[in-house]
N, C-alpha and C. Protein backbone atom coordinates (compact mmCIF):
# COMPACT_ATOMS: atom_id res chain seq x y z
N MET A 1 18.86 -5.16 5.38
CA MET A 1 18.02 -6.33 5.62
C MET A 1 18.81 -7.53 5.40
N ASN A 2 18.76 -8.48 6.37
CA ASN A 2 19.35 -9.87 6.24
C ASN A 2 18.37 -10.84 5.68
N ARG A 3 18.95 -12.00 5.56
CA ARG A 3 18.07 -13.06 5.05
C ARG A 3 16.93 -13.61 5.79
N THR A 4 17.12 -13.32 7.16
CA THR A 4 15.91 -13.65 8.16
C THR A 4 14.89 -12.51 8.34
N THR A 5 15.12 -11.50 7.87
CA THR A 5 14.15 -10.28 8.05
C THR A 5 13.06 -10.67 6.86
N PRO A 6 11.80 -10.68 7.28
CA PRO A 6 10.84 -10.93 6.17
C PRO A 6 10.68 -9.76 5.25
N VAL A 7 10.36 -9.81 4.06
CA VAL A 7 10.01 -8.80 3.27
C VAL A 7 8.59 -8.32 3.50
N LYS A 8 8.52 -6.89 3.63
CA LYS A 8 7.23 -6.40 3.97
C LYS A 8 6.64 -5.76 2.62
N ILE A 9 5.36 -6.22 2.49
CA ILE A 9 4.66 -5.74 1.16
C ILE A 9 3.53 -4.84 1.51
N LEU A 10 3.48 -3.66 0.77
CA LEU A 10 2.36 -2.86 1.09
C LEU A 10 1.27 -3.16 -0.15
N VAL A 11 -0.07 -3.22 0.14
CA VAL A 11 -1.03 -3.43 -0.73
C VAL A 11 -2.03 -2.19 -0.73
N LEU A 12 -2.26 -1.49 -1.85
CA LEU A 12 -3.29 -0.45 -1.98
C LEU A 12 -4.19 -0.58 -3.04
N ASP A 13 -5.52 -0.75 -2.65
CA ASP A 13 -6.56 -0.91 -3.66
C ASP A 13 -7.84 -0.41 -2.97
N ASP A 14 -8.78 0.20 -3.76
CA ASP A 14 -10.04 0.65 -3.33
C ASP A 14 -10.91 -0.35 -2.93
N ASP A 15 -10.68 -1.54 -3.23
CA ASP A 15 -11.51 -2.80 -2.88
C ASP A 15 -11.09 -3.37 -1.72
N ALA A 16 -11.75 -3.16 -0.54
CA ALA A 16 -11.21 -3.71 0.73
C ALA A 16 -11.26 -5.27 0.71
N ASP A 17 -12.20 -5.93 0.07
CA ASP A 17 -12.23 -7.41 0.04
C ASP A 17 -10.96 -7.92 -0.60
N PHE A 18 -10.69 -7.15 -1.62
CA PHE A 18 -9.50 -7.67 -2.56
C PHE A 18 -8.13 -7.48 -1.69
N VAL A 19 -8.12 -6.27 -1.04
CA VAL A 19 -6.88 -6.18 -0.08
C VAL A 19 -6.83 -7.20 0.89
N GLY A 20 -7.97 -7.51 1.56
CA GLY A 20 -7.96 -8.42 2.49
C GLY A 20 -7.42 -9.86 1.99
N THR A 21 -7.83 -10.18 0.87
CA THR A 21 -7.53 -11.40 0.20
C THR A 21 -6.22 -11.41 0.02
N ILE A 22 -5.56 -10.43 -0.52
CA ILE A 22 -4.12 -10.36 -0.85
C ILE A 22 -3.19 -10.45 0.31
N VAL A 23 -3.56 -9.58 1.30
CA VAL A 23 -2.87 -9.57 2.65
C VAL A 23 -2.90 -10.92 3.32
N ASP A 24 -3.99 -11.59 3.37
CA ASP A 24 -4.12 -13.03 3.95
C ASP A 24 -3.31 -14.02 3.21
N SER A 25 -3.34 -13.88 1.86
CA SER A 25 -2.52 -14.67 1.04
C SER A 25 -1.05 -14.56 1.22
N LEU A 26 -0.72 -13.33 1.32
CA LEU A 26 0.84 -12.90 1.57
C LEU A 26 1.17 -13.51 2.95
N ALA A 27 0.20 -13.33 4.04
CA ALA A 27 0.58 -13.96 5.38
C ALA A 27 0.82 -15.42 5.31
N ALA A 28 -0.04 -16.10 4.64
CA ALA A 28 -0.05 -17.57 4.55
C ALA A 28 1.36 -18.04 3.86
N ALA A 29 1.75 -17.11 2.98
CA ALA A 29 3.06 -17.49 2.22
C ALA A 29 4.24 -17.01 2.99
N GLY A 30 4.08 -16.37 4.19
CA GLY A 30 5.17 -16.03 5.00
C GLY A 30 5.67 -14.55 4.92
N PHE A 31 4.92 -13.91 4.18
CA PHE A 31 5.29 -12.35 4.01
C PHE A 31 4.60 -11.52 4.93
N ALA A 32 5.31 -10.41 5.49
CA ALA A 32 4.64 -9.48 6.34
C ALA A 32 4.02 -8.43 5.32
N SER A 33 2.78 -7.97 5.51
CA SER A 33 2.24 -7.01 4.69
C SER A 33 1.28 -6.02 5.20
N GLU A 34 1.00 -5.06 4.71
CA GLU A 34 -0.02 -4.09 5.22
C GLU A 34 -0.95 -3.59 4.19
N GLY A 35 -2.15 -3.56 4.51
CA GLY A 35 -3.10 -3.26 3.42
C GLY A 35 -3.75 -1.81 3.58
N PHE A 36 -4.06 -1.12 2.51
CA PHE A 36 -4.83 0.19 2.61
C PHE A 36 -5.86 0.19 1.55
N TYR A 37 -7.11 0.80 1.91
CA TYR A 37 -8.18 0.79 1.09
C TYR A 37 -8.45 2.31 0.41
N SER A 38 -7.42 3.15 0.85
CA SER A 38 -7.60 4.50 0.38
C SER A 38 -6.16 5.16 0.33
N VAL A 39 -6.14 6.12 -0.71
CA VAL A 39 -4.73 6.80 -0.79
C VAL A 39 -4.69 7.70 0.49
N GLU A 40 -5.68 8.26 1.05
CA GLU A 40 -5.70 8.91 2.25
C GLU A 40 -5.03 8.28 3.43
N SER A 41 -5.51 7.06 3.60
CA SER A 41 -5.16 6.30 4.62
C SER A 41 -3.53 5.82 4.62
N PHE A 42 -3.24 5.53 3.38
CA PHE A 42 -1.91 5.26 2.84
C PHE A 42 -0.99 6.35 3.23
N ALA A 43 -1.46 7.61 2.77
CA ALA A 43 -0.67 8.81 2.84
C ALA A 43 -0.47 9.23 4.34
N ARG A 44 -1.38 8.86 5.26
CA ARG A 44 -1.21 9.18 6.60
C ARG A 44 -0.12 8.31 7.13
N ALA A 45 -0.34 7.04 6.84
CA ALA A 45 0.78 6.07 7.31
C ALA A 45 2.30 6.22 6.75
N ALA A 46 2.24 6.73 5.43
CA ALA A 46 3.42 7.18 4.93
C ALA A 46 4.18 8.34 5.61
N ARG A 47 3.31 9.37 5.77
CA ARG A 47 3.85 10.74 6.55
C ARG A 47 4.21 10.41 7.89
N SER A 48 3.59 9.38 8.64
CA SER A 48 4.00 9.08 9.99
C SER A 48 5.31 8.25 10.07
N GLY A 49 5.89 7.79 8.91
CA GLY A 49 7.17 7.07 8.99
C GLY A 49 7.00 5.60 9.37
N ARG A 50 5.84 5.11 9.56
CA ARG A 50 5.71 3.66 9.84
C ARG A 50 5.88 2.63 8.53
N LEU A 51 5.98 3.20 7.48
CA LEU A 51 6.05 2.32 6.31
C LEU A 51 7.65 2.29 5.84
N GLY A 52 8.55 2.62 6.56
CA GLY A 52 9.94 2.69 6.13
C GLY A 52 10.55 1.19 5.88
N ASP A 53 9.87 0.26 6.39
CA ASP A 53 10.48 -1.12 6.17
C ASP A 53 9.79 -1.82 5.00
N VAL A 54 8.96 -1.15 4.27
CA VAL A 54 8.38 -1.65 3.09
C VAL A 54 9.33 -1.81 1.99
N ARG A 55 9.37 -3.05 1.27
CA ARG A 55 10.22 -3.32 0.31
C ARG A 55 9.64 -3.42 -1.09
N VAL A 56 8.19 -3.81 -1.08
CA VAL A 56 7.49 -4.00 -2.36
C VAL A 56 6.11 -3.30 -2.19
N MET A 57 5.75 -2.59 -3.09
CA MET A 57 4.41 -1.96 -3.13
C MET A 57 3.41 -2.33 -4.33
N LEU A 58 2.26 -2.89 -3.94
CA LEU A 58 1.32 -3.28 -4.97
C LEU A 58 0.26 -2.32 -5.00
N PHE A 59 0.10 -1.51 -6.17
CA PHE A 59 -1.05 -0.47 -6.29
C PHE A 59 -2.05 -0.85 -7.44
N ASP A 60 -3.22 -0.52 -7.04
CA ASP A 60 -4.29 -0.53 -8.05
C ASP A 60 -4.11 0.51 -9.08
N MET A 61 -4.33 0.38 -10.29
CA MET A 61 -3.91 1.40 -11.23
C MET A 61 -4.95 2.54 -11.23
N ASN A 62 -6.18 2.24 -11.01
CA ASN A 62 -7.30 3.31 -10.67
C ASN A 62 -7.85 3.09 -9.42
N LEU A 63 -7.60 4.07 -8.42
CA LEU A 63 -7.90 3.96 -7.09
C LEU A 63 -9.29 4.64 -6.68
N GLY A 64 -10.10 5.05 -7.67
CA GLY A 64 -11.39 5.42 -7.28
C GLY A 64 -11.39 6.89 -7.32
N PRO A 65 -12.58 7.58 -7.01
CA PRO A 65 -12.84 9.01 -7.11
C PRO A 65 -11.94 9.77 -6.24
N ARG A 66 -11.47 10.93 -6.73
CA ARG A 66 -10.61 11.82 -5.95
C ARG A 66 -11.69 12.95 -5.34
N LYS A 67 -11.30 13.22 -4.16
CA LYS A 67 -12.21 14.19 -3.51
C LYS A 67 -11.92 15.55 -4.42
N GLY A 68 -13.02 16.06 -4.75
CA GLY A 68 -13.12 17.32 -5.59
C GLY A 68 -13.08 17.02 -7.08
N GLY A 69 -13.22 15.75 -7.37
CA GLY A 69 -13.41 15.29 -8.81
C GLY A 69 -12.08 14.51 -9.27
N GLY A 70 -12.49 13.93 -10.27
CA GLY A 70 -11.22 13.06 -10.97
C GLY A 70 -11.13 11.74 -10.40
N VAL A 71 -10.11 11.18 -10.87
CA VAL A 71 -9.89 9.63 -10.44
C VAL A 71 -8.48 9.55 -9.82
N LEU A 72 -8.33 8.97 -8.82
CA LEU A 72 -6.88 8.81 -8.29
C LEU A 72 -6.39 7.71 -9.04
N LYS A 73 -5.05 7.86 -9.46
CA LYS A 73 -4.43 6.86 -10.28
C LYS A 73 -3.21 6.38 -9.43
N ALA A 74 -2.60 5.27 -9.86
CA ALA A 74 -1.39 4.67 -9.03
C ALA A 74 -0.26 5.72 -9.12
N GLN A 75 -0.15 6.50 -9.99
CA GLN A 75 0.99 7.59 -9.99
C GLN A 75 0.83 8.52 -8.80
N ASP A 76 -0.46 8.77 -8.41
CA ASP A 76 -0.68 9.59 -7.37
C ASP A 76 -0.03 9.02 -5.97
N ALA A 77 -0.33 7.66 -5.87
CA ALA A 77 0.23 6.94 -4.79
C ALA A 77 1.69 6.83 -4.67
N ILE A 78 2.25 6.59 -5.90
CA ILE A 78 3.73 6.70 -6.18
C ILE A 78 4.47 7.79 -5.77
N LEU A 79 3.91 9.06 -6.03
CA LEU A 79 4.47 10.21 -5.67
C LEU A 79 4.39 10.38 -4.15
N ILE A 80 3.44 9.83 -3.49
CA ILE A 80 3.43 9.90 -2.04
C ILE A 80 4.58 8.89 -1.49
N ALA A 81 4.60 7.87 -2.06
CA ALA A 81 5.63 6.83 -1.62
C ALA A 81 7.07 7.32 -1.79
N LYS A 82 7.23 8.03 -2.89
CA LYS A 82 8.50 8.48 -3.28
C LYS A 82 8.94 9.56 -2.32
N THR A 83 7.92 10.34 -1.79
CA THR A 83 8.21 11.49 -0.88
C THR A 83 8.40 10.97 0.66
N TYR A 84 7.67 10.02 1.08
CA TYR A 84 7.59 9.69 2.41
C TYR A 84 8.10 8.40 2.73
N VAL A 85 8.18 7.26 1.94
CA VAL A 85 8.64 6.00 2.21
C VAL A 85 10.03 5.73 1.90
């Protein structure tokens, strides 16, 4: 990455309005970003390889209910990121 390449930031939170606000604020500040509202959509994008240029990831600590019970945590998303991004 050279100095003219914008830093791409990933935002993952189960609150779609919050994600939109953060993504819009980052764009206004000159950063490229991509927002996700669910771990499932984030995981699909990560597995597809399209997140390879992400340099910073912002995760909600509690991402809401997990299919089958329990609560998704940021560490679940971090494992996906370490595996695919």
